[in-house]
Amino acid sequence: MRRILILTEYDGTHFAGLQRQRTGLRTVQGELERVLPGIGALPKAVAAGRTDAGVHALAMPFHFDLGSRIPTEKIPQALNRLLPEDLKVVAAREVAPDFHARKDALWRAYRYRILLRSHPSPLLRHRALWLRHPLDLAAIREALSFLPGRHNFLGFAKEEVRAGERELYEARMEEVEGEAGRELRFYFRGQSFLRGQVRGMVGTLLEVGLGKRSPENIRLILQTQDRGQAGPSAPPQGLYFLEAAYPPEKLSPR
């Protein structure tokens, strides 16, 4: 039995999130586990994290155990023949037998895309948040400066989350010229993230940019850990799971 790490890319528009659900709703994990026996693998896949309905991924790691002799380099092609069009495997490698996609992750990174122009884009309606209002980018950058470090992020997470201390390594914003016009892209890299944390941070940062709250308000939310003090969650379609990193010794079969 070999332990395999795969990186998956998916369009989250028509998924009810990543994690398998008992209700029978369509999920990323459910679709992947449905096809794993087709290549001789056990029907259990473990992800590096979780994404909500409508959230996308460029390289979401999963691990699973494989009993067949299929060469590792053939795994993406074999799985992609069985997977739907909105979920594909982009890479595969054999890893240490005790590798764990979630527990061994050193950090995870997310991006949030915002399209800034006078009219919405039909092509990006499921890929980015559209805003027509001008934003105070200097105020947003000041607010971002309060986020890196070890904090309790409960004030930005979904209300059912109970434990909130996490370390955020990077929080930055860049302006880019995208295929449909000017975009803002937020980048967050951290040890791990609470459910809803990134969207809560982005929604609050946008209120800073719109002049609805001061940059210093970010510091207050971190201190009080009160979700009611923060802004609304940004919509899911602009959020992308980018990647996760692992210790090198875990990425080599022993």
Protein backbone atom coordinates (compact mmCIF):
# COMPACT_ATOMS: atom_id res chain seq x y z
CA MET A 1 0.00 0.00 0.00
CA ARG A 2 1.44 3.37 -1.06
CA ARG A 3 0.45 6.75 0.35
CA ILE A 4 -0.13 9.24 -2.44
CA LEU A 5 -0.30 13.02 -2.34
CA ILE A 6 -2.26 14.70 -5.12
CA LEU A 7 -2.84 18.37 -5.88
CA THR A 8 -6.33 19.19 -7.12
CA GLU A 9 -7.71 22.16 -9.01
CA TYR A 10 -11.42 22.86 -8.91
CA ASP A 11 -14.12 25.37 -9.71
CA GLY A 12 -16.19 25.56 -6.54
CA THR A 13 -19.28 27.08 -8.19
CA HIS A 14 -21.33 23.90 -8.27
CA PHE A 15 -19.92 22.23 -5.16
CA ALA A 16 -21.53 22.44 -1.71
CA GLY A 17 -18.02 22.81 -0.28
CA LEU A 18 -15.02 20.52 0.00
CA GLN A 19 -15.94 18.27 2.90
CA ARG A 20 -18.11 15.20 2.38
CA GLN A 21 -21.62 15.68 3.78
CA ARG A 22 -24.16 13.15 4.95
CA THR A 23 -26.97 14.95 3.16
CA GLY A 24 -25.80 13.70 -0.23
CA LEU A 25 -24.88 17.16 -1.51
CA ARG A 26 -22.17 17.30 -4.16
CA THR A 27 -18.74 17.98 -2.61
CA VAL A 28 -15.12 17.90 -3.75
CA GLN A 29 -14.19 15.15 -1.31
CA GLY A 30 -17.24 13.14 -2.28
CA GLU A 31 -16.45 13.27 -6.00
CA LEU A 32 -12.82 12.32 -5.41
CA GLU A 33 -13.64 9.42 -3.10
CA ARG A 34 -16.21 8.18 -5.60
CA VAL A 35 -13.53 7.59 -8.26
CA LEU A 36 -10.57 6.42 -6.13
CA PRO A 37 -11.55 2.72 -6.27
CA GLY A 38 -11.35 3.02 -10.05
CA ILE A 39 -7.54 3.17 -9.79
CA GLY A 40 -7.24 0.65 -6.96
CA ALA A 41 -7.20 3.12 -4.08
CA LEU A 42 -9.08 3.06 -0.80
CA PRO A 43 -12.16 5.33 -0.98
CA LYS A 44 -10.92 7.81 1.61
CA ALA A 45 -9.20 11.11 0.79
CA VAL A 46 -7.89 13.59 3.37
CA ALA A 47 -7.53 17.26 2.40
CA ALA A 48 -5.16 19.94 3.66
CA GLY A 49 -8.09 22.14 4.60
CA ARG A 50 -11.67 22.86 3.75
CA THR A 51 -13.39 25.29 1.43
CA ASP A 52 -17.01 26.44 1.52
CA ALA A 53 -19.52 26.32 -1.32
CA GLY A 54 -18.44 28.52 -4.22
CA VAL A 55 -14.77 28.71 -3.19
CA HIS A 56 -12.15 27.57 -5.71
CA ALA A 57 -8.73 25.90 -5.47
CA LEU A 58 -5.60 25.91 -7.61
CA ALA A 59 -3.63 23.24 -5.72
CA MET A 60 -5.60 21.68 -2.85
CA PRO A 61 -3.62 18.71 -1.44
CA PHE A 62 -5.26 15.39 -0.64
CA HIS A 63 -3.69 12.13 0.48
CA PHE A 64 -5.02 8.62 -0.02
CA ASP A 65 -3.74 5.04 0.08
CA LEU A 66 -3.20 3.12 -3.14
CA GLY A 67 -2.98 -0.65 -3.43
CA SER A 68 -2.54 -1.01 -7.19
CA ARG A 69 0.74 -0.90 -9.16
CA ILE A 70 -0.21 2.06 -11.33
CA PRO A 71 2.90 4.27 -11.80
CA THR A 72 2.67 7.46 -9.77
CA GLU A 73 3.14 9.64 -12.84
CA LYS A 74 0.05 8.05 -14.43
CA ILE A 75 -2.26 8.80 -11.50
CA PRO A 76 -3.39 12.30 -12.61
CA GLN A 77 -4.35 11.07 -16.07
CA ALA A 78 -6.13 8.00 -14.68
CA LEU A 79 -8.14 9.99 -12.14
CA ASN A 80 -8.94 12.80 -14.55
CA ARG A 81 -10.64 10.34 -16.89
CA LEU A 82 -13.06 9.56 -14.05
CA LEU A 83 -13.48 13.01 -12.49
CA PRO A 84 -15.98 15.69 -13.58
CA GLU A 85 -14.96 18.72 -15.63
CA ASP A 86 -14.88 21.05 -12.62
CA LEU A 87 -12.44 18.93 -10.59
CA LYS A 88 -9.05 17.73 -11.85
CA VAL A 89 -5.76 16.39 -10.49
CA VAL A 90 -2.74 18.47 -11.51
CA ALA A 91 0.07 16.49 -9.82
CA ALA A 92 0.75 13.31 -7.83
CA ARG A 93 3.67 11.92 -5.84
CA GLU A 94 4.33 9.08 -3.45
CA VAL A 95 5.00 10.31 0.09
CA ALA A 96 5.97 8.91 3.48
CA PRO A 97 3.58 6.24 4.81
CA ASP A 98 2.68 8.47 7.77
CA PHE A 99 2.20 11.63 5.68
CA HIS A 100 -0.98 13.54 6.55
CA ALA A 101 -2.25 16.27 4.23
CA ARG A 102 -3.84 18.29 7.03
CA LYS A 103 -1.69 17.63 10.12
CA ASP A 104 1.69 17.93 8.37
CA ALA A 105 1.00 21.21 6.56
CA LEU A 106 3.46 23.94 7.56
CA TRP A 107 1.29 26.67 6.09
CA ARG A 108 -1.59 27.30 3.71
CA ALA A 109 -2.18 30.23 1.37
CA TYR A 110 -5.31 31.88 -0.02
CA ARG A 111 -6.01 34.58 -2.59
CA TYR A 112 -9.08 36.80 -2.88
CA ARG A 113 -9.84 38.54 -6.21
CA ILE A 114 -11.79 41.78 -6.59
CA LEU A 115 -12.62 43.26 -9.99
CA LEU A 116 -12.67 47.07 -9.95
CA ARG A 117 -14.55 48.56 -12.87
CA SER A 118 -17.80 50.38 -13.66
CA HIS A 119 -19.75 47.31 -14.78
CA PRO A 120 -19.77 43.62 -13.84
CA SER A 121 -18.04 40.96 -15.94
CA PRO A 122 -20.22 38.06 -17.14
CA LEU A 123 -17.06 35.98 -17.52
CA LEU A 124 -15.87 36.57 -13.95
CA ARG A 125 -19.19 36.48 -12.11
CA HIS A 126 -18.17 33.17 -10.48
CA ARG A 127 -14.45 34.01 -10.28
CA ALA A 128 -14.16 37.38 -8.55
CA LEU A 129 -16.08 39.91 -6.50
CA TRP A 130 -17.09 42.97 -8.54
CA LEU A 131 -16.91 46.45 -6.97
CA ARG A 132 -17.67 49.71 -8.72
CA HIS A 133 -16.89 52.01 -5.78
CA PRO A 134 -13.42 53.57 -5.36
CA LEU A 135 -11.39 52.24 -2.44
CA ASP A 136 -8.87 53.93 -0.16
CA LEU A 137 -5.97 51.57 -0.78
CA ALA A 138 -3.66 53.30 1.69
CA ALA A 139 -6.20 52.72 4.46
CA ILE A 140 -6.54 49.05 3.47
CA ARG A 141 -2.76 48.59 3.57
CA GLU A 142 -2.62 50.16 7.02
CA ALA A 143 -5.39 47.82 8.20
CA LEU A 144 -3.57 44.82 6.71
CA SER A 145 -0.49 45.64 8.77
CA PHE A 146 -2.33 44.68 11.98
CA LEU A 147 -3.15 41.14 10.84
CA PRO A 148 0.18 39.24 10.66
CA GLY A 149 1.31 37.54 13.85
CA ARG A 150 -0.24 35.23 16.40
CA HIS A 151 -3.77 36.36 17.25
CA ASN A 152 -7.18 35.05 18.14
CA PHE A 153 -9.10 35.43 14.85
CA LEU A 154 -12.54 34.50 16.21
CA GLY A 155 -13.80 37.98 15.35
CA PHE A 156 -13.48 37.18 11.64
CA ALA A 157 -14.61 33.53 11.67
CA LYS A 158 -18.01 31.90 11.36
CA GLU A 159 -19.93 32.16 14.58
CA GLU A 160 -19.94 28.42 15.33
CA VAL A 161 -16.12 28.40 15.61
CA ARG A 162 -14.97 28.19 19.24
CA ALA A 163 -11.14 28.13 19.35
CA GLY A 164 -9.50 30.90 17.38
CA GLU A 165 -5.77 31.36 18.00
CA ARG A 166 -3.74 31.08 14.80
CA GLU A 167 -0.52 32.49 13.32
CA LEU A 168 -0.79 34.53 10.16
CA TYR A 169 2.56 34.88 8.39
CA GLU A 170 1.58 37.21 5.54
CA ALA A 171 -1.30 39.54 4.71
CA ARG A 172 -0.86 41.74 1.67
CA MET A 173 -2.66 43.29 -1.27
CA GLU A 174 -1.58 43.98 -4.83
CA GLU A 175 -3.07 45.75 -7.81
CA VAL A 176 -2.91 43.86 -11.10
CA GLU A 177 -4.25 44.29 -14.59
CA GLY A 178 -6.39 41.19 -15.10
CA GLU A 179 -8.08 39.86 -18.20
CA ALA A 180 -11.23 41.92 -17.52
CA GLY A 181 -9.65 45.04 -16.04
CA ARG A 182 -8.05 46.29 -12.85
CA GLU A 183 -8.09 43.88 -9.93
CA LEU A 184 -7.19 43.91 -6.27
CA ARG A 185 -5.79 40.63 -5.01
CA PHE A 186 -5.45 39.87 -1.33
CA TYR A 187 -2.93 37.22 -0.29
CA PHE A 188 -2.97 35.47 3.08
CA ARG A 189 -0.49 32.84 4.25
CA GLY A 190 -0.77 31.24 7.66
CA GLN A 191 -0.31 28.17 9.79
CA SER A 192 -4.01 27.38 9.39
CA PHE A 193 -7.27 29.28 9.09
CA LEU A 194 -10.58 29.25 10.92
CA ARG A 195 -13.71 28.51 8.95
CA GLY A 196 -14.79 31.75 7.28
CA GLN A 197 -11.74 33.67 8.52
CA VAL A 198 -10.38 34.83 5.17
CA ARG A 199 -13.75 36.01 3.88
CA GLY A 200 -14.39 37.76 7.20
CA MET A 201 -11.06 39.58 6.98
CA VAL A 202 -11.65 40.62 3.36
CA GLY A 203 -15.17 41.87 4.05
CA THR A 204 -13.88 43.98 6.93
CA LEU A 205 -10.92 45.31 4.93
CA LEU A 206 -13.28 46.40 2.17
CA GLU A 207 -15.31 48.39 4.69
CA VAL A 208 -12.05 50.11 5.66
CA GLY A 209 -11.44 50.90 1.99
CA LEU A 210 -14.97 52.29 1.63
CA GLY A 211 -14.50 54.57 4.64
CA LYS A 212 -17.03 52.74 6.81
CA ARG A 213 -14.49 51.95 9.53
CA SER A 214 -10.95 52.99 10.44
CA PRO A 215 -7.85 50.85 9.89
CA GLU A 216 -7.41 50.76 13.69
CA ASN A 217 -10.72 48.90 13.93
CA ILE A 218 -8.88 45.74 12.83
CA ARG A 219 -6.84 45.89 16.03
CA LEU A 220 -10.06 46.23 18.08
CA ILE A 221 -11.61 43.14 16.46
CA LEU A 222 -8.48 41.11 17.23
CA GLN A 223 -8.64 42.26 20.85
CA THR A 224 -12.37 41.69 21.44
CA GLN A 225 -12.71 38.56 19.25
CA ASP A 226 -16.30 39.72 18.64
CA ARG A 227 -17.70 38.72 15.25
CA GLY A 228 -20.34 41.42 15.61
CA GLN A 229 -17.60 44.08 15.51
CA ALA A 230 -16.31 42.96 12.10
CA GLY A 231 -17.72 43.49 8.65
CA PRO A 232 -19.78 41.02 6.62
CA SER A 233 -18.10 38.04 5.01
CA ALA A 234 -16.97 38.67 1.44
CA PRO A 235 -18.80 36.44 -1.08
CA PRO A 236 -17.24 33.04 -1.81
CA GLN A 237 -16.62 33.40 -5.55
CA GLY A 238 -13.53 35.59 -5.13
CA LEU A 239 -11.71 33.17 -2.83
CA TYR A 240 -9.08 30.65 -3.98
CA PHE A 241 -7.08 28.12 -2.00
CA LEU A 242 -3.61 28.50 -3.53
CA GLU A 243 -1.25 25.97 -1.96
CA ALA A 244 0.13 24.31 1.16
CA ALA A 245 3.71 23.52 2.16
CA TYR A 246 5.12 20.42 3.85
CA PRO A 247 8.40 19.30 5.49
CA PRO A 248 10.70 17.79 2.83
CA GLU A 249 11.15 14.56 4.79
CA LYS A 250 7.39 13.95 4.62
CA LEU A 251 7.38 14.28 0.84
CA SER A 252 9.72 11.35 0.23
CA PRO A 253 8.67 7.68 0.52
CA ARG A 254 10.75 5.84 3.12
